[in-house]
Amino acid sequence: MPTEFQNKIYETLRKVPKGKVTTYKELANALKTKAYQSIGTAMKVNPYAPIVPCHRVVKNNGSVGFFKGKKEGKAITEKINMLKKEGIVIKEKKIINFKEKLHKF
């Protein structure tokens, strides 16, 4: 069962449209918190995926980052494929035109 804070994260994340990504930091700023690790944990344990699109959360430098608590392997391949299906172009695990694709709240 998600915590109240996790539910706020999920509610905010649902605002990120297909074809866009956001960052852990952008989510934190939207929630007026510096609890970046808690946001990462919420992504890892997201029970509402893909309705709550945790695959759209990436690192500040435009790299795809983690997915399902993993930084390599099948999980990352799955995240990259999900983003590509939404029109995100990725090369060497980095989002091309990251600033254009970044959703800010």
Protein backbone atom coordinates (compact mmCIF):
# COMPACT_ATOMS: atom_id res chain seq x y z
CA MET A 1 0.00 0.00 0.00
CA PRO A 2 1.56 3.32 -1.06
CA THR A 3 2.21 6.00 1.52
CA GLU A 4 0.49 9.38 1.36
CA PHE A 5 3.72 10.90 0.01
CA GLN A 6 4.04 8.21 -2.66
CA ASN A 7 0.47 8.85 -3.74
CA LYS A 8 1.30 12.56 -4.15
CA ILE A 9 4.28 11.57 -6.30
CA TYR A 10 2.11 9.30 -8.45
CA GLU A 11 -0.57 11.96 -8.82
CA THR A 12 2.04 14.47 -10.00
CA LEU A 13 3.71 11.99 -12.33
CA ARG A 14 0.43 11.23 -14.10
CA LYS A 15 0.60 14.77 -15.51
CA VAL A 16 3.61 13.88 -17.70
CA PRO A 17 2.21 13.26 -21.19
CA LYS A 18 3.28 10.59 -23.67
CA GLY A 19 6.30 11.73 -25.63
CA LYS A 20 7.73 13.65 -22.68
CA VAL A 21 9.94 12.75 -19.74
CA THR A 22 10.63 14.32 -16.39
CA THR A 23 13.35 13.97 -13.78
CA TYR A 24 13.48 12.98 -10.15
CA LYS A 25 14.49 16.58 -9.43
CA GLU A 26 11.53 18.05 -11.37
CA LEU A 27 9.17 15.81 -9.40
CA ALA A 28 10.82 16.86 -6.16
CA ASN A 29 10.54 20.55 -7.10
CA ALA A 30 6.86 20.13 -7.97
CA LEU A 31 6.29 18.56 -4.57
CA LYS A 32 8.46 21.14 -2.77
CA THR A 33 10.75 18.49 -1.32
CA LYS A 34 14.36 17.39 -1.55
CA ALA A 35 13.47 13.75 -0.89
CA TYR A 36 15.00 12.53 -4.15
CA GLN A 37 15.67 9.04 -2.83
CA SER A 38 12.07 8.71 -1.70
CA ILE A 39 10.95 9.60 -5.20
CA GLY A 40 13.28 6.94 -6.59
CA THR A 41 11.86 4.41 -4.16
CA ALA A 42 8.31 5.34 -5.19
CA MET A 43 9.23 4.68 -8.83
CA LYS A 44 10.72 1.30 -7.87
CA VAL A 45 7.59 0.15 -6.00
CA ASN A 46 4.98 1.82 -8.24
CA PRO A 47 1.92 -0.46 -8.09
CA TYR A 48 0.06 1.55 -10.74
CA ALA A 49 2.47 1.21 -13.69
CA PRO A 50 2.02 1.96 -16.53
CA ILE A 51 -0.99 4.14 -15.65
CA VAL A 52 1.42 6.06 -13.44
CA PRO A 53 4.27 6.26 -15.98
CA CYS A 54 7.41 5.75 -13.91
CA HIS A 55 9.21 4.86 -17.16
CA ARG A 56 9.04 8.59 -18.01
CA VAL A 57 11.27 9.54 -15.05
CA VAL A 58 14.91 9.95 -16.05
CA LYS A 59 18.09 11.46 -14.68
CA ASN A 60 18.92 15.18 -14.85
CA ASN A 61 21.57 14.56 -17.49
CA GLY A 62 19.10 12.91 -19.87
CA SER A 63 20.20 9.35 -19.27
CA VAL A 64 17.43 6.82 -18.82
CA GLY A 65 18.53 5.96 -15.28
CA PHE A 66 16.89 3.11 -13.41
CA PHE A 67 13.77 1.04 -13.97
CA LYS A 68 12.23 -1.42 -11.53
CA GLY A 69 15.21 -0.82 -9.28
CA LYS A 70 17.72 -1.89 -11.93
CA LYS A 71 20.25 0.14 -13.88
CA GLU A 72 21.06 -2.50 -16.49
CA GLY A 73 19.61 -5.54 -18.19
CA LYS A 74 16.07 -6.45 -19.18
CA ALA A 75 14.44 -3.75 -17.06
CA ILE A 76 16.37 -0.94 -18.79
CA THR A 77 15.69 -2.46 -22.20
CA GLU A 78 11.99 -2.50 -21.30
CA LYS A 79 12.09 1.16 -20.21
CA ILE A 80 13.91 2.21 -23.38
CA ASN A 81 11.39 0.33 -25.54
CA MET A 82 8.46 1.94 -23.71
CA LEU A 83 9.95 5.41 -24.23
CA LYS A 84 10.69 4.71 -27.90
CA LYS A 85 7.05 3.63 -28.45
CA GLU A 86 6.09 7.08 -27.14
CA GLY A 87 8.36 8.84 -29.64
CA ILE A 88 11.40 9.40 -27.44
CA VAL A 89 14.67 8.93 -29.34
CA ILE A 90 17.42 7.32 -27.29
CA LYS A 91 21.05 6.75 -28.17
CA GLU A 92 23.51 5.06 -25.83
CA LYS A 93 20.96 5.23 -22.99
CA LYS A 94 20.58 9.01 -23.36
CA ILE A 95 17.56 10.93 -24.58
CA ILE A 96 18.17 12.89 -27.76
CA ASN A 97 16.80 16.46 -27.58
CA PHE A 98 16.40 16.02 -23.84
CA LYS A 99 15.59 19.68 -23.14
CA GLU A 100 12.79 19.59 -25.73
CA LYS A 101 11.35 16.39 -24.26
CA LEU A 102 11.58 17.52 -20.63
CA HIS A 103 8.25 18.10 -18.92
CA LYS A 104 8.37 20.73 -16.18
CA PHE A 105 5.54 21.17 -13.73
